[in-house]
Amino acid sequence: MWTKERALDQSLAQSKLQLAAAKDQIVQETQRSSTLERDIIALKDSIEATQKAAAAEAARLSAEKTSQTNHLEVDIIAAREQIKNWQAAITERDTKLANLNQDLAATRQRLQEAIKKLTAAGAR
């Protein structure tokens, strides 16, 4: 009987050791699980912050592009108006030059006629 009791004590001691090891493993796994859960929460927060920052940056870039586009459109309109003004000025200049050329041709004609008359009058 004593042998049986001793075997049971050894078996009980072995079971207690296994129970203590299992409890230690549970504590370690619980700590690991808690650490992983905190890491997951931190990653989710990081992803959310990154997504918000990306959305804000996309909105800022969109607004900047819109502003640049509007500015360029205004510049293009102003440039087109300036080109129209230059074309009008060139047309006006060409018209004046044509008129001056006609006046010059008429003056030359009158001058040649006057020279012919003077030459004819001087030959007499």
PDB file of N, CA and C in Angstrom:
ATOM      1  N   MET A   1       0.811  -1.170   0.000  1.00  0.00           N
ATOM      2  CA  MET A   1       0.000   0.000   0.000  1.00  0.00           C
ATOM      3  C   MET A   1       0.876   1.264   0.000  1.00  0.00           C
ATOM      4  N   TRP A   2       1.919   1.149   0.766  1.00  0.00           N
ATOM      5  CA  TRP A   2       2.841   2.278   0.850  1.00  0.00           C
ATOM      6  C   TRP A   2       3.435   2.573  -0.519  1.00  0.00           C
ATOM      7  N   THR A   3       3.731   1.588  -1.295  1.00  0.00           N
ATOM      8  CA  THR A   3       4.290   1.729  -2.626  1.00  0.00           C
ATOM      9  C   THR A   3       3.270   2.406  -3.535  1.00  0.00           C
ATOM     10  N   LYS A   4       2.071   1.987  -3.360  1.00  0.00           N
ATOM     11  CA  LYS A   4       1.017   2.579  -4.178  1.00  0.00           C
ATOM     12  C   LYS A   4       0.853   4.061  -3.834  1.00  0.00           C
ATOM     13  N   GLU A   5       0.920   4.342  -2.525  1.00  0.00           N
ATOM     14  CA  GLU A   5       0.784   5.732  -2.088  1.00  0.00           C
ATOM     15  C   GLU A   5       1.964   6.564  -2.606  1.00  0.00           C
ATOM     16  N   ARG A   6       3.114   5.996  -2.581  1.00  0.00           N
ATOM     17  CA  ARG A   6       4.303   6.689  -3.077  1.00  0.00           C
ATOM     18  C   ARG A   6       4.187   6.949  -4.577  1.00  0.00           C
ATOM     19  N   ALA A   7       3.695   5.987  -5.307  1.00  0.00           N
ATOM     20  CA  ALA A   7       3.517   6.137  -6.748  1.00  0.00           C
ATOM     21  C   ALA A   7       2.486   7.222  -7.033  1.00  0.00           C
ATOM     22  N   LEU A   8       1.444   7.252  -6.209  1.00  0.00           N
ATOM     23  CA  LEU A   8       0.422   8.293  -6.389  1.00  0.00           C
ATOM     24  C   LEU A   8       1.003   9.675  -6.061  1.00  0.00           C
ATOM     25  N   ASP A   9       1.851   9.755  -5.038  1.00  0.00           N
ATOM     26  CA  ASP A   9       2.494  11.033  -4.703  1.00  0.00           C
ATOM     27  C   ASP A   9       3.386  11.503  -5.844  1.00  0.00           C
ATOM     28  N   GLN A  10       4.119  10.577  -6.399  1.00  0.00           N
ATOM     29  CA  GLN A  10       4.987  10.933  -7.533  1.00  0.00           C
ATOM     30  C   GLN A  10       4.147  11.363  -8.737  1.00  0.00           C
ATOM     31  N   SER A  11       3.065  10.644  -8.958  1.00  0.00           N
ATOM     32  CA  SER A  11       2.173  10.980 -10.064  1.00  0.00           C
ATOM     33  C   SER A  11       1.536  12.347  -9.822  1.00  0.00           C
ATOM     34  N   LEU A  12       1.153  12.601  -8.550  1.00  0.00           N
ATOM     35  CA  LEU A  12       0.563  13.894  -8.207  1.00  0.00           C
ATOM     36  C   LEU A  12       1.591  15.016  -8.376  1.00  0.00           C
ATOM     37  N   ALA A  13       2.816  14.783  -7.954  1.00  0.00           N
ATOM     38  CA  ALA A  13       3.881  15.785  -8.100  1.00  0.00           C
ATOM     39  C   ALA A  13       4.136  16.055  -9.578  1.00  0.00           C
ATOM     40  N   GLN A  14       4.160  14.988 -10.355  1.00  0.00           N
ATOM     41  CA  GLN A  14       4.360  15.145 -11.805  1.00  0.00           C
ATOM     42  C   GLN A  14       3.206  15.942 -12.416  1.00  0.00           C
ATOM     43  N   SER A  15       1.983  15.661 -11.985  1.00  0.00           N
ATOM     44  CA  SER A  15       0.805  16.378 -12.490  1.00  0.00           C
ATOM     45  C   SER A  15       0.861  17.850 -12.081  1.00  0.00           C
ATOM     46  N   LYS A  16       1.326  18.106 -10.839  1.00  0.00           N
ATOM     47  CA  LYS A  16       1.452  19.487 -10.383  1.00  0.00           C
ATOM     48  C   LYS A  16       2.492  20.240 -11.211  1.00  0.00           C
ATOM     49  N   LEU A  17       3.582  19.579 -11.540  1.00  0.00           N
ATOM     50  CA  LEU A  17       4.607  20.196 -12.392  1.00  0.00           C
ATOM     51  C   LEU A  17       4.046  20.506 -13.782  1.00  0.00           C
ATOM     52  N   GLN A  18       3.302  19.545 -14.306  1.00  0.00           N
ATOM     53  CA  GLN A  18       2.693  19.757 -15.632  1.00  0.00           C
ATOM     54  C   GLN A  18       1.668  20.892 -15.572  1.00  0.00           C
ATOM     55  N   LEU A  19       0.910  20.941 -14.478  1.00  0.00           N
ATOM     56  CA  LEU A  19      -0.084  22.005 -14.307  1.00  0.00           C
ATOM     57  C   LEU A  19       0.608  23.360 -14.208  1.00  0.00           C
ATOM     58  N   ALA A  20       1.691  23.443 -13.468  1.00  0.00           N
ATOM     59  CA  ALA A  20       2.430  24.702 -13.334  1.00  0.00           C
ATOM     60  C   ALA A  20       3.007  25.121 -14.680  1.00  0.00           C
ATOM     61  N   ALA A  21       3.542  24.150 -15.424  1.00  0.00           N
ATOM     62  CA  ALA A  21       4.085  24.450 -16.749  1.00  0.00           C
ATOM     63  C   ALA A  21       2.975  24.927 -17.677  1.00  0.00           C
ATOM     64  N   ALA A  22       1.818  24.297 -17.603  1.00  0.00           N
ATOM     65  CA  ALA A  22       0.676  24.688 -18.438  1.00  0.00           C
ATOM     66  C   ALA A  22       0.215  26.105 -18.076  1.00  0.00           C
ATOM     67  N   LYS A  23       0.198  26.396 -16.743  1.00  0.00           N
ATOM     68  CA  LYS A  23      -0.198  27.748 -16.303  1.00  0.00           C
ATOM     69  C   LYS A  23       0.806  28.784 -16.801  1.00  0.00           C
ATOM     70  N   ASP A  24       2.098  28.461 -16.719  1.00  0.00           N
ATOM     71  CA  ASP A  24       3.121  29.379 -17.237  1.00  0.00           C
ATOM     72  C   ASP A  24       2.934  29.608 -18.734  1.00  0.00           C
ATOM     73  N   GLN A  25       2.647  28.521 -19.438  1.00  0.00           N
ATOM     74  CA  GLN A  25       2.440  28.631 -20.891  1.00  0.00           C
ATOM     75  C   GLN A  25       1.204  29.477 -21.185  1.00  0.00           C
ATOM     76  N   ILE A  26       0.145  29.323 -20.393  1.00  0.00           N
ATOM     77  CA  ILE A  26      -1.073  30.131 -20.578  1.00  0.00           C
ATOM     78  C   ILE A  26      -0.760  31.603 -20.355  1.00  0.00           C
ATOM     79  N   VAL A  27       0.018  31.895 -19.299  1.00  0.00           N
ATOM     80  CA  VAL A  27       0.380  33.287 -19.006  1.00  0.00           C
ATOM     81  C   VAL A  27       1.187  33.862 -20.172  1.00  0.00           C
ATOM     82  N   GLN A  28       2.157  33.090 -20.642  1.00  0.00           N
ATOM     83  CA  GLN A  28       2.983  33.557 -21.766  1.00  0.00           C
ATOM     84  C   GLN A  28       2.141  33.770 -23.031  1.00  0.00           C
ATOM     85  N   GLU A  29       1.255  32.835 -23.315  1.00  0.00           N
ATOM     86  CA  GLU A  29       0.401  32.959 -24.500  1.00  0.00           C
ATOM     87  C   GLU A  29      -0.577  34.127 -24.352  1.00  0.00           C
ATOM     88  N   THR A  30      -1.061  34.376 -23.158  1.00  0.00           N
ATOM     89  CA  THR A  30      -1.953  35.509 -22.910  1.00  0.00           C
ATOM     90  C   THR A  30      -1.204  36.814 -23.130  1.00  0.00           C
ATOM     91  N   GLN A  31       0.030  36.874 -22.626  1.00  0.00           N
ATOM     92  CA  GLN A  31       0.846  38.068 -22.824  1.00  0.00           C
ATOM     93  C   GLN A  31       1.140  38.268 -24.316  1.00  0.00           C
ATOM     94  N   ARG A  32       1.474  37.185 -24.972  1.00  0.00           N
ATOM     95  CA  ARG A  32       1.745  37.257 -26.415  1.00  0.00           C
ATOM     96  C   ARG A  32       0.498  37.711 -27.183  1.00  0.00           C
ATOM     97  N   SER A  33      -0.648  37.166 -26.802  1.00  0.00           N
ATOM     98  CA  SER A  33      -1.913  37.550 -27.440  1.00  0.00           C
ATOM     99  C   SER A  33      -2.203  39.034 -27.214  1.00  0.00           C
ATOM    100  N   SER A  34      -1.974  39.506 -25.990  1.00  0.00           N
ATOM    101  CA  SER A  34      -2.200  40.924 -25.680  1.00  0.00           C
ATOM    102  C   SER A  34      -1.267  41.806 -26.499  1.00  0.00           C
ATOM    103  N   THR A  35      -0.012  41.365 -26.593  1.00  0.00           N
ATOM    104  CA  THR A  35       0.964  42.133 -27.378  1.00  0.00           C
ATOM    105  C   THR A  35       0.543  42.183 -28.843  1.00  0.00           C
ATOM    106  N   LEU A  36       0.117  41.046 -29.365  1.00  0.00           N
ATOM    107  CA  LEU A  36      -0.333  40.996 -30.768  1.00  0.00           C
ATOM    108  C   LEU A  36      -1.568  41.868 -30.984  1.00  0.00           C
ATOM    109  N   GLU A  37      -2.498  41.848 -30.044  1.00  0.00           N
ATOM    110  CA  GLU A  37      -3.698  42.683 -30.158  1.00  0.00           C
ATOM    111  C   GLU A  37      -3.332  44.167 -30.146  1.00  0.00           C
ATOM    112  N   ARG A  38      -2.383  44.557 -29.268  1.00  0.00           N
ATOM    113  CA  ARG A  38      -1.928  45.959 -29.251  1.00  0.00           C
ATOM    114  C   ARG A  38      -1.244  46.320 -30.579  1.00  0.00           C
ATOM    115  N   ASP A  39      -0.446  45.398 -31.088  1.00  0.00           N
ATOM    116  CA  ASP A  39       0.222  45.638 -32.369  1.00  0.00           C
ATOM    117  C   ASP A  39      -0.792  45.805 -33.493  1.00  0.00           C
ATOM    118  N   ILE A  40      -1.837  44.971 -33.471  1.00  0.00           N
ATOM    119  CA  ILE A  40      -2.889  45.057 -34.499  1.00  0.00           C
ATOM    120  C   ILE A  40      -3.602  46.401 -34.410  1.00  0.00           C
ATOM    121  N   ILE A  41      -3.914  46.832 -33.195  1.00  0.00           N
ATOM    122  CA  ILE A  41      -4.585  48.130 -33.004  1.00  0.00           C
ATOM    123  C   ILE A  41      -3.679  49.256 -33.499  1.00  0.00           C
ATOM    124  N   ALA A  42      -2.383  49.167 -33.164  1.00  0.00           N
ATOM    125  CA  ALA A  42      -1.437  50.203 -33.611  1.00  0.00           C
ATOM    126  C   ALA A  42      -1.335  50.214 -35.134  1.00  0.00           C
ATOM    127  N   LEU A  43      -1.304  49.037 -35.752  1.00  0.00           N
ATOM    128  CA  LEU A  43      -1.252  48.964 -37.219  1.00  0.00           C
ATOM    129  C   LEU A  43      -2.513  49.530 -37.854  1.00  0.00           C
ATOM    130  N   LYS A  44      -3.668  49.214 -37.286  1.00  0.00           N
ATOM    131  CA  LYS A  44      -4.929  49.757 -37.812  1.00  0.00           C
ATOM    132  C   LYS A  44      -4.932  51.284 -37.724  1.00  0.00           C
ATOM    133  N   ASP A  45      -4.477  51.802 -36.571  1.00  0.00           N
ATOM    134  CA  ASP A  45      -4.407  53.261 -36.400  1.00  0.00           C
ATOM    135  C   ASP A  45      -3.440  53.872 -37.410  1.00  0.00           C
ATOM    136  N   SER A  46      -2.318  53.204 -37.605  1.00  0.00           N
ATOM    137  CA  SER A  46      -1.315  53.698 -38.555  1.00  0.00           C
ATOM    138  C   SER A  46      -1.870  53.699 -39.973  1.00  0.00           C
ATOM    139  N   ILE A  47      -2.546  52.627 -40.334  1.00  0.00           N
ATOM    140  CA  ILE A  47      -3.143  52.540 -41.682  1.00  0.00           C
ATOM    141  C   ILE A  47      -4.194  53.630 -41.858  1.00  0.00           C
ATOM    142  N   GLU A  48      -5.021  53.822 -40.836  1.00  0.00           N
ATOM    143  CA  GLU A  48      -6.063  54.853 -40.909  1.00  0.00           C
ATOM    144  C   GLU A  48      -5.450  56.242 -41.049  1.00  0.00           C
ATOM    145  N   ALA A  49      -4.405  56.506 -40.277  1.00  0.00           N
ATOM    146  CA  ALA A  49      -3.739  57.810 -40.360  1.00  0.00           C
ATOM    147  C   ALA A  49      -3.093  58.000 -41.726  1.00  0.00           C
ATOM    148  N   THR A  50      -2.498  56.942 -42.249  1.00  0.00           N
ATOM    149  CA  THR A  50      -1.875  57.008 -43.576  1.00  0.00           C
ATOM    150  C   THR A  50      -2.933  57.264 -44.642  1.00  0.00           C
ATOM    151  N   GLN A  51      -4.064  56.584 -44.543  1.00  0.00           N
ATOM    152  CA  GLN A  51      -5.141  56.791 -45.515  1.00  0.00           C
ATOM    153  C   GLN A  51      -5.687  58.217 -45.439  1.00  0.00           C
ATOM    154  N   LYS A  52      -5.838  58.747 -44.227  1.00  0.00           N
ATOM    155  CA  LYS A  52      -6.326  60.121 -44.070  1.00  0.00           C
ATOM    156  C   LYS A  52      -5.321  61.116 -44.654  1.00  0.00           C
ATOM    157  N   ALA A  53      -4.038  60.864 -44.376  1.00  0.00           N
ATOM    158  CA  ALA A  53      -3.001  61.757 -44.909  1.00  0.00           C
ATOM    159  C   ALA A  53      -2.961  61.690 -46.428  1.00  0.00           C
ATOM    160  N   ALA A  54      -3.121  60.492 -46.979  1.00  0.00           N
ATOM    161  CA  ALA A  54      -3.122  60.342 -48.439  1.00  0.00           C
ATOM    162  C   ALA A  54      -4.332  61.050 -49.050  1.00  0.00           C
ATOM    163  N   ALA A  55      -5.477  60.922 -48.405  1.00  0.00           N
ATOM    164  CA  ALA A  55      -6.683  61.592 -48.912  1.00  0.00           C
ATOM    165  C   ALA A  55      -6.519  63.107 -48.841  1.00  0.00           C
ATOM    166  N   ALA A  56      -5.948  63.590 -47.740  1.00  0.00           N
ATOM    167  CA  ALA A  56      -5.734  65.038 -47.604  1.00  0.00           C
ATOM    168  C   ALA A  56      -4.747  65.528 -48.649  1.00  0.00           C
ATOM    169  N   GLU A  57      -3.692  64.767 -48.880  1.00  0.00           N
ATOM    170  CA  GLU A  57      -2.692  65.156 -49.888  1.00  0.00           C
ATOM    171  C   GLU A  57      -3.296  65.132 -51.288  1.00  0.00           C
ATOM    172  N   ALA A  58      -4.132  64.126 -51.559  1.00  0.00           N
ATOM    173  CA  ALA A  58      -4.792  64.057 -52.862  1.00  0.00           C
ATOM    174  C   ALA A  58      -5.710  65.270 -53.054  1.00  0.00           C
ATOM    175  N   ALA A  59      -6.427  65.646 -52.015  1.00  0.00           N
ATOM    176  CA  ALA A  59      -7.302  66.819 -52.100  1.00  0.00           C
ATOM    177  C   ALA A  59      -6.480  68.085 -52.316  1.00  0.00           C
ATOM    178  N   ARG A  60      -5.356  68.204 -51.599  1.00  0.00           N
ATOM    179  CA  ARG A  60      -4.495  69.377 -51.756  1.00  0.00           C
ATOM    180  C   ARG A  60      -3.926  69.449 -53.171  1.00  0.00           C
ATOM    181  N   LEU A  61      -3.466  68.308 -53.678  1.00  0.00           N
ATOM    182  CA  LEU A  61      -2.925  68.286 -55.040  1.00  0.00           C
ATOM    183  C   LEU A  61      -3.999  68.606 -56.074  1.00  0.00           C
ATOM    184  N   SER A  62      -5.205  68.092 -55.841  1.00  0.00           N
ATOM    185  CA  SER A  62      -6.305  68.381 -56.758  1.00  0.00           C
ATOM    186  C   SER A  62      -6.627  69.875 -56.763  1.00  0.00           C
ATOM    187  N   ALA A  63      -6.664  70.467 -55.582  1.00  0.00           N
ATOM    188  CA  ALA A  63      -6.936  71.908 -55.491  1.00  0.00           C
ATOM    189  C   ALA A  63      -5.821  72.709 -56.150  1.00  0.00           C
ATOM    190  N   GLU A  64      -4.585  72.272 -55.948  1.00  0.00           N
ATOM    191  CA  GLU A  64      -3.445  72.967 -56.549  1.00  0.00           C
ATOM    192  C   GLU A  64      -3.488  72.862 -58.075  1.00  0.00           C
ATOM    193  N   LYS A  65      -3.819  71.674 -58.572  1.00  0.00           N
ATOM    194  CA  LYS A  65      -3.914  71.502 -60.024  1.00  0.00           C
ATOM    195  C   LYS A  65      -5.054  72.343 -60.594  1.00  0.00           C
ATOM    196  N   THR A  66      -6.165  72.382 -59.881  1.00  0.00           N
ATOM    197  CA  THR A  66      -7.292  73.196 -60.333  1.00  0.00           C
ATOM    198  C   THR A  66      -6.887  74.663 -60.383  1.00  0.00           C
ATOM    199  N   SER A  67      -6.192  75.106 -59.357  1.00  0.00           N
ATOM    200  CA  SER A  67      -5.733  76.495 -59.312  1.00  0.00           C
ATOM    201  C   SER A  67      -4.772  76.784 -60.462  1.00  0.00           C
ATOM    202  N   GLN A  68      -3.836  75.881 -60.680  1.00  0.00           N
ATOM    203  CA  GLN A  68      -2.878  76.068 -61.774  1.00  0.00           C
ATOM    204  C   GLN A  68      -3.600  76.077 -63.121  1.00  0.00           C
ATOM    205  N   THR A  69      -4.554  75.173 -63.279  1.00  0.00           N
ATOM    206  CA  THR A  69      -5.306  75.098 -64.524  1.00  0.00           C
ATOM    207  C   THR A  69      -6.063  76.401 -64.767  1.00  0.00           C
ATOM    208  N   ASN A  70      -6.714  76.893 -63.729  1.00  0.00           N
ATOM    209  CA  ASN A  70      -7.447  78.158 -63.857  1.00  0.00           C
ATOM    210  C   ASN A  70      -6.499  79.305 -64.208  1.00  0.00           C
ATOM    211  N   HIS A  71      -5.358  79.340 -63.549  1.00  0.00           N
ATOM    212  CA  HIS A  71      -4.363  80.390 -63.821  1.00  0.00           C
ATOM    213  C   HIS A  71      -3.881  80.297 -65.271  1.00  0.00           C
ATOM    214  N   LEU A  72      -3.614  79.080 -65.717  1.00  0.00           N
ATOM    215  CA  LEU A  72      -3.153  78.900 -67.103  1.00  0.00           C
ATOM    216  C   LEU A  72      -4.239  79.285 -68.105  1.00  0.00           C
ATOM    217  N   GLU A  73      -5.487  78.969 -67.781  1.00  0.00           N
ATOM    218  CA  GLU A  73      -6.586  79.354 -68.672  1.00  0.00           C
ATOM    219  C   GLU A  73      -6.678  80.872 -68.779  1.00  0.00           C
ATOM    220  N   VAL A  74      -6.527  81.552 -67.646  1.00  0.00           N
ATOM    221  CA  VAL A  74      -6.559  83.021 -67.648  1.00  0.00           C
ATOM    222  C   VAL A  74      -5.397  83.555 -68.493  1.00  0.00           C
ATOM    223  N   ASP A  75      -4.214  82.950 -68.314  1.00  0.00           N
ATOM    224  CA  ASP A  75      -3.045  83.374 -69.096  1.00  0.00           C
ATOM    225  C   ASP A  75      -3.257  83.140 -70.589  1.00  0.00           C
ATOM    226  N   ILE A  76      -3.864  82.015 -70.940  1.00  0.00           N
ATOM    227  CA  ILE A  76      -4.122  81.707 -72.352  1.00  0.00           C
ATOM    228  C   ILE A  76      -5.102  82.715 -72.936  1.00  0.00           C
ATOM    229  N   ILE A  77      -6.148  83.033 -72.189  1.00  0.00           N
ATOM    230  CA  ILE A  77      -7.131  84.015 -72.662  1.00  0.00           C
ATOM    231  C   ILE A  77      -6.457  85.367 -72.859  1.00  0.00           C
ATOM    232  N   ALA A  78      -5.617  85.760 -71.900  1.00  0.00           N
ATOM    233  CA  ALA A  78      -4.909  87.034 -72.017  1.00  0.00           C
ATOM    234  C   ALA A  78      -3.967  87.022 -73.223  1.00  0.00           C
ATOM    235  N   ALA A  79      -3.285  85.896 -73.433  1.00  0.00           N
ATOM    236  CA  ALA A  79      -2.371  85.786 -74.570  1.00  0.00           C
ATOM    237  C   ALA A  79      -3.139  85.859 -75.889  1.00  0.00           C
ATOM    238  N   ARG A  80      -4.294  85.214 -75.946  1.00  0.00           N
ATOM    239  CA  ARG A  80      -5.120  85.269 -77.168  1.00  0.00           C
ATOM    240  C   ARG A  80      -5.583  86.697 -77.444  1.00  0.00           C
ATOM    241  N   GLU A  81      -5.966  87.398 -76.380  1.00  0.00           N
ATOM    242  CA  GLU A  81      -6.377  88.798 -76.547  1.00  0.00           C
ATOM    243  C   GLU A  81      -5.205  89.647 -77.035  1.00  0.00           C
ATOM    244  N   GLN A  82      -4.025  89.396 -76.478  1.00  0.00           N
ATOM    245  CA  GLN A  82      -2.839  90.141 -76.905  1.00  0.00           C
ATOM    246  C   GLN A  82      -2.525  89.851 -78.366  1.00  0.00           C
ATOM    247  N   ILE A  83      -2.671  88.601 -78.766  1.00  0.00           N
ATOM    248  CA  ILE A  83      -2.433  88.243 -80.174  1.00  0.00           C
ATOM    249  C   ILE A  83      -3.428  88.962 -81.075  1.00  0.00           C
ATOM    250  N   LYS A  84      -4.699  89.014 -80.642  1.00  0.00           N
ATOM    251  CA  LYS A  84      -5.705  89.733 -81.422  1.00  0.00           C
ATOM    252  C   LYS A  84      -5.315  91.210 -81.548  1.00  0.00           C
ATOM    253  N   ASN A  85      -4.864  91.794 -80.431  1.00  0.00           N
ATOM    254  CA  ASN A  85      -4.445  93.203 -80.462  1.00  0.00           C
ATOM    255  C   ASN A  85      -3.270  93.394 -81.414  1.00  0.00           C
ATOM    256  N   TRP A  86      -2.303  92.476 -81.351  1.00  0.00           N
ATOM    257  CA  TRP A  86      -1.144  92.574 -82.238  1.00  0.00           C
ATOM    258  C   TRP A  86      -1.573  92.419 -83.705  1.00  0.00           C
ATOM    259  N   GLN A  87      -2.491  91.478 -83.958  1.00  0.00           N
ATOM    260  CA  GLN A  87      -2.954  91.284 -85.335  1.00  0.00           C
ATOM    261  C   GLN A  87      -3.670  92.541 -85.832  1.00  0.00           C
ATOM    262  N   ALA A  88      -4.472  93.141 -84.965  1.00  0.00           N
ATOM    263  CA  ALA A  88      -5.158  94.375 -85.350  1.00  0.00           C
ATOM    264  C   ALA A  88      -4.142  95.483 -85.619  1.00  0.00           C
ATOM    265  N   ALA A  89      -3.133  95.578 -84.765  1.00  0.00           N
ATOM    266  CA  ALA A  89      -2.101  96.606 -84.955  1.00  0.00           C
ATOM    267  C   ALA A  89      -1.323  96.349 -86.250  1.00  0.00           C
ATOM    268  N   ILE A  90      -1.032  95.092 -86.525  1.00  0.00           N
ATOM    269  CA  ILE A  90      -0.315  94.759 -87.768  1.00  0.00           C
ATOM    270  C   ILE A  90      -1.171  95.099 -88.982  1.00  0.00           C
ATOM    271  N   THR A  91      -2.458  94.778 -88.906  1.00  0.00           N
ATOM    272  CA  THR A  91      -3.366  95.094 -90.009  1.00  0.00           C
ATOM    273  C   THR A  91      -3.442  96.607 -90.206  1.00  0.00           C
ATOM    274  N   GLU A  92      -3.555  97.341 -89.114  1.00  0.00           N
ATOM    275  CA  GLU A  92      -3.600  98.806 -89.193  1.00  0.00           C
ATOM    276  C   GLU A  92      -2.298  99.352 -89.790  1.00  0.00           C
ATOM    277  N   ARG A  93      -1.155  98.808 -89.337  1.00  0.00           N
ATOM    278  CA  ARG A  93       0.143  99.230 -89.870  1.00  0.00           C
ATOM    279  C   ARG A  93       0.248  98.931 -91.362  1.00  0.00           C
ATOM    280  N   ASP A  94      -0.206  97.725 -91.755  1.00  0.00           N
ATOM    281  CA  ASP A  94      -0.151  97.356 -93.170  1.00  0.00           C
ATOM    282  C   ASP A  94      -1.029  98.278 -94.016  1.00  0.00           C
ATOM    283  N   THR A  95      -2.198  98.643 -93.467  1.00  0.00           N
ATOM    284  CA  THR A  95      -3.092  99.559 -94.179  1.00  0.00           C
ATOM    285  C   THR A  95      -2.428 100.924 -94.325  1.00  0.00           C
ATOM    286  N   LYS A  96      -1.816 101.413 -93.248  1.00  0.00           N
ATOM    287  CA  LYS A  96      -1.122 102.705 -93.318  1.00  0.00           C
ATOM    288  C   LYS A  96       0.028 102.647 -94.313  1.00  0.00           C
ATOM    289  N   LEU A  97       0.776 101.544 -94.287  1.00  0.00           N
ATOM    290  CA  LEU A  97       1.892 101.406 -95.233  1.00  0.00           C
ATOM    291  C   LEU A  97       1.388 101.380 -96.681  1.00  0.00           C
ATOM    292  N   ALA A  98       0.276 100.687 -96.894  1.00  0.00           N
ATOM    293  CA  ALA A  98      -0.289 100.635 -98.245  1.00  0.00           C
ATOM    294  C   ALA A  98      -0.726 102.035 -98.678  1.00  0.00           C
ATOM    295  N   ASN A  99      -1.365 102.767 -97.765  1.00  0.00           N
ATOM    296  CA  ASN A  99      -1.793 104.133 -98.085  1.00  0.00           C
ATOM    297  C   ASN A  99      -0.589 105.033 -98.339  1.00  0.00           C
ATOM    298  N   LEU A 100       0.435 104.916 -97.501  1.00  0.00           N
ATOM    299  CA  LEU A 100       1.650 105.717 -97.700  1.00  0.00           C
ATOM    300  C   LEU A 100       2.323 105.357 -99.027  1.00  0.00           C
ATOM    301  N   ASN A 101       2.309 104.076 -99.372  1.00  0.00           N
ATOM    302  CA  ASN A 101       2.903 103.636-100.633  1.00  0.00           C
ATOM    303  C   ASN A 101       2.134 104.221-101.816  1.00  0.00           C
ATOM    304  N   GLN A 102       0.800 104.222-101.687  1.00  0.00           N
ATOM    305  CA  GLN A 102      -0.006 104.825-102.758  1.00  0.00           C
ATOM    306  C   GLN A 102       0.267 106.324-102.848  1.00  0.00           C
ATOM    307  N   ASP A 103       0.340 106.991-101.688  1.00  0.00           N
ATOM    308  CA  ASP A 103       0.641 108.428-101.695  1.00  0.00           C
ATOM    309  C   ASP A 103       2.016 108.688-102.296  1.00  0.00           C
ATOM    310  N   LEU A 104       2.979 107.846-101.967  1.00  0.00           N
ATOM    311  CA  LEU A 104       4.327 107.997-102.507  1.00  0.00           C
ATOM    312  C   LEU A 104       4.329 107.790-104.016  1.00  0.00           C
ATOM    313  N   ALA A 105       3.581 106.778-104.475  1.00  0.00           N
ATOM    314  CA  ALA A 105       3.515 106.528-105.918  1.00  0.00           C
ATOM    315  C   ALA A 105       2.867 107.722-106.622  1.00  0.00           C
ATOM    316  N   ALA A 106       1.802 108.266-106.009  1.00  0.00           N
ATOM    317  CA  ALA A 106       1.128 109.420-106.615  1.00  0.00           C
ATOM    318  C   ALA A 106       2.067 110.630-106.619  1.00  0.00           C
ATOM    319  N   THR A 107       2.816 110.802-105.534  1.00  0.00           N
ATOM    320  CA  THR A 107       3.758 111.924-105.464  1.00  0.00           C
ATOM    321  C   THR A 107       4.848 111.752-106.506  1.00  0.00           C
ATOM    322  N   ARG A 108       5.336 110.532-106.654  1.00  0.00           N
ATOM    323  CA  ARG A 108       6.350 110.286-107.693  1.00  0.00           C
ATOM    324  C   ARG A 108       5.797 110.598-109.073  1.00  0.00           C
ATOM    325  N   GLN A 109       4.560 110.166-109.275  1.00  0.00           N
ATOM    326  CA  GLN A 109       3.931 110.434-110.576  1.00  0.00           C
ATOM    327  C   GLN A 109       3.834 111.935-110.829  1.00  0.00           C
ATOM    328  N   ARG A 110       3.392 112.666-109.814  1.00  0.00           N
ATOM    329  CA  ARG A 110       3.291 114.119-109.980  1.00  0.00           C
ATOM    330  C   ARG A 110       4.670 114.737-110.181  1.00  0.00           C
ATOM    331  N   LEU A 111       5.647 114.234-109.451  1.00  0.00           N
ATOM    332  CA  LEU A 111       7.016 114.743-109.580  1.00  0.00           C
ATOM    333  C   LEU A 111       7.553 114.476-110.990  1.00  0.00           C
ATOM    334  N   GLN A 112       7.310 113.291-111.518  1.00  0.00           N
ATOM    335  CA  GLN A 112       7.778 112.971-112.871  1.00  0.00           C
ATOM    336  C   GLN A 112       7.079 113.859-113.903  1.00  0.00           C
ATOM    337  N   GLU A 113       5.791 114.099-113.671  1.00  0.00           N
ATOM    338  CA  GLU A 113       5.070 114.982-114.601  1.00  0.00           C
ATOM    339  C   GLU A 113       5.616 116.413-114.517  1.00  0.00           C
ATOM    340  N   ALA A 114       5.936 116.839-113.293  1.00  0.00           N
ATOM    341  CA  ALA A 114       6.487 118.188-113.128  1.00  0.00           C
ATOM    342  C   ALA A 114       7.852 118.284-113.785  1.00  0.00           C
ATOM    343  N   ILE A 115       8.659 117.219-113.657  1.00  0.00           N
ATOM    344  CA  ILE A 115       9.989 117.214-114.283  1.00  0.00           C
ATOM    345  C   ILE A 115       9.838 117.272-115.796  1.00  0.00           C
ATOM    346  N   LYS A 116       8.875 116.505-116.326  1.00  0.00           N
ATOM    347  CA  LYS A 116       8.655 116.535-117.788  1.00  0.00           C
ATOM    348  C   LYS A 116       8.245 117.937-118.236  1.00  0.00           C
ATOM    349  N   LYS A 117       7.359 118.582-117.476  1.00  0.00           N
ATOM    350  CA  LYS A 117       6.928 119.937-117.848  1.00  0.00           C
ATOM    351  C   LYS A 117       8.085 120.914-117.775  1.00  0.00           C
ATOM    352  N   LEU A 118       8.898 120.794-116.722  1.00  0.00           N
ATOM    353  CA  LEU A 118      10.038 121.694-116.586  1.00  0.00           C
ATOM    354  C   LEU A 118      11.059 121.436-117.705  1.00  0.00           C
ATOM    355  N   THR A 119      11.256 120.166-118.015  1.00  0.00           N
ATOM    356  CA  THR A 119      12.187 119.839-119.081  1.00  0.00           C
ATOM    357  C   THR A 119      11.640 120.386-120.406  1.00  0.00           C
ATOM    358  N   ALA A 120      10.357 120.223-120.649  1.00  0.00           N
ATOM    359  CA  ALA A 120       9.750 120.721-121.879  1.00  0.00           C
ATOM    360  C   ALA A 120       9.814 122.244-121.923  1.00  0.00           C
ATOM    361  N   ALA A 121       9.589 122.876-120.767  1.00  0.00           N
ATOM    362  CA  ALA A 121       9.618 124.331-120.725  1.00  0.00           C
ATOM    363  C   ALA A 121      11.048 124.836-120.876  1.00  0.00           C
ATOM    364  N   GLY A 122      11.998 124.101-120.357  1.00  0.00           N
ATOM    365  CA  GLY A 122      13.387 124.504-120.458  1.00  0.00           C
ATOM    366  C   GLY A 122      13.927 124.268-121.863  1.00  0.00           C
ATOM    367  N   ALA A 123      13.371 123.325-122.588  1.00  0.00           N
ATOM    368  CA  ALA A 123      13.828 123.042-123.947  1.00  0.00           C
ATOM    369  C   ALA A 123      13.309 124.087-124.885  1.00  0.00           C
ATOM    370  N   ARG A 124      12.388 124.813-124.573  1.00  0.00           N
ATOM    371  CA  ARG A 124      11.837 125.819-125.472  1.00  0.00           C
ATOM    372  C   ARG A 124      12.702 126.969-125.472  1.00  0.00           C
TER     373      ARG A 124
END
